[in-house]
Amino acid sequence: MNTLEQTIGNTPLVKLQRLGPDNGSEVWVKLEGNNPAGSVKDRAALSMIVEAEKRGEIQPGDVLIEATSGNTGIALAMIAALKGYRMKLLMPDNMSQERRAAMRAYGAELILVSKEQGMEGARDLALEMAQRGEGKLLDQFNNPDNPYAHYTPPARKSGSRPRGVSPTLSPVWGPPAPLPACHVFCVNRVNR
């Protein structure tokens, strides 16, 4: 791999040795926490920016705007920095200092709304800013490129799918899930 972008989704695929049905199937997990910004949201962030570039909606040097509560914002800040965009992230002021620090470390400008306004207030302000021409709104909550990033099974994308298996993808999301930030594959051997 030549770029940090190419590492997104190329995360370890591990077979769980003591978990799975007794019907010959196997359970594999894709450790999405090993993405460069630390979560499965790296996929969505990359997809939203790359697909908008392909459509000619954004180009390096533009200001990107997004409302976030955490991991998507961190991932967007990282991708924006890598690709030469300025990133403005809006979030409620009760989000963790660690998340804020990570976003700022990637060069994002944070705009805080009150916890009473919450995510709805952050989304409304992001839309207003875009309408005033202050930047391009990525709109993760309505952007089809966000979920699109998860349609291609990660093992197929990264070339790390075990030979002779047919995967079923089931994303497992963070707390309180026992397997946060990973994708789970239940696989059946095709050629026994």
C-alpha atoms as a PDB file:
ATOM      1  CA  MET A   1       0.000   0.000   0.000  1.00  0.00           C
ATOM      2  CA  ASN A   2       1.240   3.433  -0.920  1.00  0.00           C
ATOM      3  CA  THR A   3      -1.196   5.734   0.898  1.00  0.00           C
ATOM      4  CA  LEU A   4      -2.987   5.895   4.217  1.00  0.00           C
ATOM      5  CA  GLU A   5      -6.289   5.873   2.315  1.00  0.00           C
ATOM      6  CA  GLN A   6      -5.454   2.432   0.948  1.00  0.00           C
ATOM      7  CA  THR A   7      -5.291   1.025   4.472  1.00  0.00           C
ATOM      8  CA  ILE A   8      -8.944   1.856   5.123  1.00  0.00           C
ATOM      9  CA  GLY A   9     -10.854  -1.416   5.159  1.00  0.00           C
ATOM     10  CA  ASN A  10      -7.671  -3.457   4.859  1.00  0.00           C
ATOM     11  CA  THR A  11      -8.037  -4.563   8.440  1.00  0.00           C
ATOM     12  CA  PRO A  12      -7.316  -8.003   9.895  1.00  0.00           C
ATOM     13  CA  LEU A  13      -9.775 -10.815   9.299  1.00  0.00           C
ATOM     14  CA  VAL A  14      -9.689 -13.308  12.162  1.00  0.00           C
ATOM     15  CA  LYS A  15     -11.452 -16.659  12.560  1.00  0.00           C
ATOM     16  CA  LEU A  16     -13.068 -17.080  15.961  1.00  0.00           C
ATOM     17  CA  GLN A  17     -12.012 -20.486  17.218  1.00  0.00           C
ATOM     18  CA  ARG A  18     -14.657 -21.029  19.890  1.00  0.00           C
ATOM     19  CA  LEU A  19     -17.686 -19.272  18.510  1.00  0.00           C
ATOM     20  CA  GLY A  20     -20.005 -20.445  15.788  1.00  0.00           C
ATOM     21  CA  PRO A  21     -22.849 -22.787  14.958  1.00  0.00           C
ATOM     22  CA  ASP A  22     -22.430 -26.565  14.933  1.00  0.00           C
ATOM     23  CA  ASN A  23     -23.475 -26.813  11.277  1.00  0.00           C
ATOM     24  CA  GLY A  24     -20.017 -26.544   9.749  1.00  0.00           C
ATOM     25  CA  SER A  25     -20.117 -22.773   9.487  1.00  0.00           C
ATOM     26  CA  GLU A  26     -17.331 -20.556  10.745  1.00  0.00           C
ATOM     27  CA  VAL A  27     -17.409 -17.084  12.256  1.00  0.00           C
ATOM     28  CA  TRP A  28     -14.792 -14.567  11.139  1.00  0.00           C
ATOM     29  CA  VAL A  29     -14.429 -10.985  12.368  1.00  0.00           C
ATOM     30  CA  LYS A  30     -13.024  -8.018  10.487  1.00  0.00           C
ATOM     31  CA  LEU A  31     -11.296  -5.770  13.020  1.00  0.00           C
ATOM     32  CA  GLU A  32     -12.452  -2.346  11.851  1.00  0.00           C
ATOM     33  CA  GLY A  33     -10.953  -0.675  14.913  1.00  0.00           C
ATOM     34  CA  ASN A  34      -7.619  -1.108  13.111  1.00  0.00           C
ATOM     35  CA  ASN A  35      -8.539   1.517  10.503  1.00  0.00           C
ATOM     36  CA  PRO A  36      -6.264   4.580  10.634  1.00  0.00           C
ATOM     37  CA  ALA A  37      -8.746   6.822  12.494  1.00  0.00           C
ATOM     38  CA  GLY A  38      -9.814   3.908  14.677  1.00  0.00           C
ATOM     39  CA  SER A  39     -13.297   2.877  13.559  1.00  0.00           C
ATOM     40  CA  VAL A  40     -15.522   1.494  10.840  1.00  0.00           C
ATOM     41  CA  LYS A  41     -16.535   5.124  10.165  1.00  0.00           C
ATOM     42  CA  ASP A  42     -13.288   5.552   8.210  1.00  0.00           C
ATOM     43  CA  ARG A  43     -15.029   3.672   5.379  1.00  0.00           C
ATOM     44  CA  ALA A  44     -18.016   6.023   5.314  1.00  0.00           C
ATOM     45  CA  ALA A  45     -15.857   9.151   5.518  1.00  0.00           C
ATOM     46  CA  LEU A  46     -13.696   8.035   2.612  1.00  0.00           C
ATOM     47  CA  SER A  47     -16.746   7.044   0.566  1.00  0.00           C
ATOM     48  CA  MET A  48     -18.556  10.354   1.088  1.00  0.00           C
ATOM     49  CA  ILE A  49     -15.519  12.408   0.083  1.00  0.00           C
ATOM     50  CA  VAL A  50     -14.328  10.250  -2.830  1.00  0.00           C
ATOM     51  CA  GLU A  51     -17.796   9.882  -4.355  1.00  0.00           C
ATOM     52  CA  ALA A  52     -18.432  13.656  -4.066  1.00  0.00           C
ATOM     53  CA  GLU A  53     -15.087  14.217  -5.828  1.00  0.00           C
ATOM     54  CA  LYS A  54     -16.068  11.828  -8.628  1.00  0.00           C
ATOM     55  CA  ARG A  55     -19.300  13.763  -9.162  1.00  0.00           C
ATOM     56  CA  GLY A  56     -17.364  17.043  -9.254  1.00  0.00           C
ATOM     57  CA  GLU A  57     -19.174  18.389  -6.179  1.00  0.00           C
ATOM     58  CA  ILE A  58     -15.977  19.065  -4.224  1.00  0.00           C
ATOM     59  CA  GLN A  59     -12.291  19.528  -4.947  1.00  0.00           C
ATOM     60  CA  PRO A  60      -9.191  19.906  -2.762  1.00  0.00           C
ATOM     61  CA  GLY A  61      -9.089  23.328  -1.158  1.00  0.00           C
ATOM     62  CA  ASP A  62     -12.851  23.404  -0.534  1.00  0.00           C
ATOM     63  CA  VAL A  63     -14.319  23.755   2.940  1.00  0.00           C
ATOM     64  CA  LEU A  64     -16.343  20.723   4.015  1.00  0.00           C
ATOM     65  CA  ILE A  65     -19.032  20.956   6.696  1.00  0.00           C
ATOM     66  CA  GLU A  66     -20.525  18.158   8.779  1.00  0.00           C
ATOM     67  CA  ALA A  67     -22.454  17.633  12.007  1.00  0.00           C
ATOM     68  CA  THR A  68     -21.070  14.785  14.085  1.00  0.00           C
ATOM     69  CA  SER A  69     -21.056  13.273  17.522  1.00  0.00           C
ATOM     70  CA  GLY A  70     -17.729  11.527  17.193  1.00  0.00           C
ATOM     71  CA  ASN A  71     -16.179   8.805  15.069  1.00  0.00           C
ATOM     72  CA  THR A  72     -17.478   9.975  11.692  1.00  0.00           C
ATOM     73  CA  GLY A  73     -16.132  13.445  12.447  1.00  0.00           C
ATOM     74  CA  ILE A  74     -12.739  12.060  13.424  1.00  0.00           C
ATOM     75  CA  ALA A  75     -12.587  10.032  10.210  1.00  0.00           C
ATOM     76  CA  LEU A  76     -13.763  12.975   8.074  1.00  0.00           C
ATOM     77  CA  ALA A  77     -11.138  15.232   9.657  1.00  0.00           C
ATOM     78  CA  MET A  78      -8.428  12.688   8.824  1.00  0.00           C
ATOM     79  CA  ILE A  79      -9.557  12.161   5.204  1.00  0.00           C
ATOM     80  CA  ALA A  80     -10.015  15.918   4.686  1.00  0.00           C
ATOM     81  CA  ALA A  81      -6.465  16.544   5.902  1.00  0.00           C
ATOM     82  CA  LEU A  82      -5.084  13.798   3.650  1.00  0.00           C
ATOM     83  CA  LYS A  83      -6.871  15.129   0.574  1.00  0.00           C
ATOM     84  CA  GLY A  84      -6.346  18.868   1.090  1.00  0.00           C
ATOM     85  CA  TYR A  85      -9.750  20.025   2.357  1.00  0.00           C
ATOM     86  CA  ARG A  86     -10.608  22.338   5.244  1.00  0.00           C
ATOM     87  CA  MET A  87     -13.022  20.614   7.618  1.00  0.00           C
ATOM     88  CA  LYS A  88     -15.606  22.322   9.821  1.00  0.00           C
ATOM     89  CA  LEU A  89     -17.262  19.957  12.268  1.00  0.00           C
ATOM     90  CA  LEU A  90     -20.310  20.885  14.323  1.00  0.00           C
ATOM     91  CA  MET A  91     -21.163  19.021  17.492  1.00  0.00           C
ATOM     92  CA  PRO A  92     -22.932  19.402  20.828  1.00  0.00           C
ATOM     93  CA  ASP A  93     -20.721  20.821  23.571  1.00  0.00           C
ATOM     94  CA  ASN A  94     -21.192  17.741  25.763  1.00  0.00           C
ATOM     95  CA  MET A  95     -19.173  15.466  23.454  1.00  0.00           C
ATOM     96  CA  SER A  96     -15.946  14.152  24.950  1.00  0.00           C
ATOM     97  CA  GLN A  97     -12.741  16.158  25.084  1.00  0.00           C
ATOM     98  CA  GLU A  98     -10.921  13.153  23.557  1.00  0.00           C
ATOM     99  CA  ARG A  99     -13.079  13.263  20.436  1.00  0.00           C
ATOM    100  CA  ARG A 100     -12.609  17.003  20.131  1.00  0.00           C
ATOM    101  CA  ALA A 101      -8.835  16.632  20.528  1.00  0.00           C
ATOM    102  CA  ALA A 102      -8.685  13.945  17.820  1.00  0.00           C
ATOM    103  CA  MET A 103     -10.637  16.119  15.363  1.00  0.00           C
ATOM    104  CA  ARG A 104      -8.464  19.148  16.081  1.00  0.00           C
ATOM    105  CA  ALA A 105      -5.304  17.038  15.729  1.00  0.00           C
ATOM    106  CA  TYR A 106      -6.339  16.385  12.122  1.00  0.00           C
ATOM    107  CA  GLY A 107      -6.810  20.121  11.594  1.00  0.00           C
ATOM    108  CA  ALA A 108     -10.595  20.352  11.821  1.00  0.00           C
ATOM    109  CA  GLU A 109     -12.288  23.502  13.056  1.00  0.00           C
ATOM    110  CA  LEU A 110     -14.868  22.657  15.727  1.00  0.00           C
ATOM    111  CA  ILE A 111     -18.073  24.616  16.108  1.00  0.00           C
ATOM    112  CA  LEU A 112     -19.972  23.685  19.254  1.00  0.00           C
ATOM    113  CA  VAL A 113     -23.693  24.007  19.863  1.00  0.00           C
ATOM    114  CA  SER A 114     -25.285  23.651  23.289  1.00  0.00           C
ATOM    115  CA  LYS A 115     -26.101  20.203  24.607  1.00  0.00           C
ATOM    116  CA  GLU A 116     -29.737  21.363  24.712  1.00  0.00           C
ATOM    117  CA  GLN A 117     -29.632  21.925  20.937  1.00  0.00           C
ATOM    118  CA  GLY A 118     -27.976  18.521  20.574  1.00  0.00           C
ATOM    119  CA  MET A 119     -27.303  16.834  17.262  1.00  0.00           C
ATOM    120  CA  GLU A 120     -30.420  18.345  15.728  1.00  0.00           C
ATOM    121  CA  GLY A 121     -29.041  21.810  16.451  1.00  0.00           C
ATOM    122  CA  ALA A 122     -25.653  20.836  15.013  1.00  0.00           C
ATOM    123  CA  ARG A 123     -27.323  19.493  11.854  1.00  0.00           C
ATOM    124  CA  ASP A 124     -29.486  22.599  11.474  1.00  0.00           C
ATOM    125  CA  LEU A 125     -26.496  24.931  11.852  1.00  0.00           C
ATOM    126  CA  ALA A 126     -24.427  22.864   9.386  1.00  0.00           C
ATOM    127  CA  LEU A 127     -27.217  23.183   6.813  1.00  0.00           C
ATOM    128  CA  GLU A 128     -27.503  26.938   7.424  1.00  0.00           C
ATOM    129  CA  MET A 129     -23.738  27.359   6.984  1.00  0.00           C
ATOM    130  CA  ALA A 130     -23.813  25.459   3.686  1.00  0.00           C
ATOM    131  CA  GLN A 131     -26.779  27.516   2.473  1.00  0.00           C
ATOM    132  CA  ARG A 132     -24.818  30.697   3.272  1.00  0.00           C
ATOM    133  CA  GLY A 133     -21.957  29.408   1.110  1.00  0.00           C
ATOM    134  CA  GLU A 134     -19.539  28.747   3.969  1.00  0.00           C
ATOM    135  CA  GLY A 135     -18.684  25.287   2.643  1.00  0.00           C
ATOM    136  CA  LYS A 136     -20.025  22.066   1.170  1.00  0.00           C
ATOM    137  CA  LEU A 137     -22.271  19.956   3.409  1.00  0.00           C
ATOM    138  CA  LEU A 138     -21.470  16.233   3.324  1.00  0.00           C
ATOM    139  CA  ASP A 139     -24.725  15.432   5.218  1.00  0.00           C
ATOM    140  CA  GLN A 140     -23.836  11.991   6.539  1.00  0.00           C
ATOM    141  CA  PHE A 141     -27.401  11.455   7.776  1.00  0.00           C
ATOM    142  CA  ASN A 142     -28.919  11.690   4.279  1.00  0.00           C
ATOM    143  CA  ASN A 143     -25.908  10.926   2.089  1.00  0.00           C
ATOM    144  CA  PRO A 144     -26.279   7.591   0.237  1.00  0.00           C
ATOM    145  CA  ASP A 145     -22.480   7.355  -0.008  1.00  0.00           C
ATOM    146  CA  ASN A 146     -22.383   6.815   3.762  1.00  0.00           C
ATOM    147  CA  PRO A 147     -24.140   3.421   3.869  1.00  0.00           C
ATOM    148  CA  TYR A 148     -22.774   2.544   0.405  1.00  0.00           C
ATOM    149  CA  ALA A 149     -19.349   2.190   1.996  1.00  0.00           C
ATOM    150  CA  HIS A 150     -20.607  -0.861   3.885  1.00  0.00           C
ATOM    151  CA  TYR A 151     -22.358  -2.707   1.038  1.00  0.00           C
ATOM    152  CA  THR A 152     -19.197  -4.281  -0.329  1.00  0.00           C
ATOM    153  CA  PRO A 153     -18.150  -6.965   2.124  1.00  0.00           C
ATOM    154  CA  PRO A 154     -14.832  -5.781   3.557  1.00  0.00           C
ATOM    155  CA  ALA A 155     -13.151  -9.151   3.147  1.00  0.00           C
ATOM    156  CA  ARG A 156     -13.875  -9.073  -0.584  1.00  0.00           C
ATOM    157  CA  LYS A 157     -12.679  -5.464  -0.882  1.00  0.00           C
ATOM    158  CA  SER A 158      -9.403  -6.099   0.862  1.00  0.00           C
ATOM    159  CA  GLY A 159      -8.722  -9.442  -0.771  1.00  0.00           C
ATOM    160  CA  SER A 160      -8.510 -11.091   2.624  1.00  0.00           C
ATOM    161  CA  ARG A 161     -11.494 -13.410   2.287  1.00  0.00           C
ATOM    162  CA  PRO A 162     -10.540 -17.013   3.024  1.00  0.00           C
ATOM    163  CA  ARG A 163     -10.561 -19.301  -0.012  1.00  0.00           C
ATOM    164  CA  GLY A 164     -13.710 -21.278  -0.678  1.00  0.00           C
ATOM    165  CA  VAL A 165     -16.085 -19.334   1.526  1.00  0.00           C
ATOM    166  CA  SER A 166     -19.343 -17.548   0.916  1.00  0.00           C
ATOM    167  CA  PRO A 167     -19.608 -14.603   3.333  1.00  0.00           C
ATOM    168  CA  THR A 168     -22.605 -13.183   5.120  1.00  0.00           C
ATOM    169  CA  LEU A 169     -21.868  -9.715   6.461  1.00  0.00           C
ATOM    170  CA  SER A 170     -23.214  -8.507   9.780  1.00  0.00           C
ATOM    171  CA  PRO A 171     -21.845  -5.232  11.133  1.00  0.00           C
ATOM    172  CA  VAL A 172     -21.454  -5.191  14.900  1.00  0.00           C
ATOM    173  CA  TRP A 173     -21.574  -1.681  16.329  1.00  0.00           C
ATOM    174  CA  GLY A 174     -20.028  -0.337  19.507  1.00  0.00           C
ATOM    175  CA  PRO A 175     -21.106  -0.428  23.116  1.00  0.00           C
ATOM    176  CA  PRO A 176     -22.582  -2.491  24.551  1.00  0.00           C
ATOM    177  CA  ALA A 177     -21.842  -4.992  21.775  1.00  0.00           C
ATOM    178  CA  PRO A 178     -19.268  -7.584  22.802  1.00  0.00           C
ATOM    179  CA  LEU A 179     -17.380  -7.183  19.522  1.00  0.00           C
ATOM    180  CA  PRO A 180     -17.270  -3.409  18.923  1.00  0.00           C
ATOM    181  CA  ALA A 181     -15.908  -1.882  15.731  1.00  0.00           C
ATOM    182  CA  CYS A 182     -15.672  -5.058  13.701  1.00  0.00           C
ATOM    183  CA  HIS A 183     -17.550  -6.828  10.963  1.00  0.00           C
ATOM    184  CA  VAL A 184     -18.607 -10.425  11.562  1.00  0.00           C
ATOM    185  CA  PHE A 185     -18.603 -12.988   8.797  1.00  0.00           C
ATOM    186  CA  CYS A 186     -20.482 -16.258   9.039  1.00  0.00           C
ATOM    187  CA  VAL A 187     -19.065 -18.400   6.292  1.00  0.00           C
ATOM    188  CA  ASN A 188     -19.889 -21.768   4.794  1.00  0.00           C
ATOM    189  CA  ARG A 189     -17.278 -23.761   2.963  1.00  0.00           C
ATOM    190  CA  VAL A 190     -18.239 -23.886  -0.702  1.00  0.00           C
ATOM    191  CA  ASN A 191     -15.913 -26.642  -1.915  1.00  0.00           C
ATOM    192  CA  ARG A 192     -15.502 -29.213   0.840  1.00  0.00           C
END
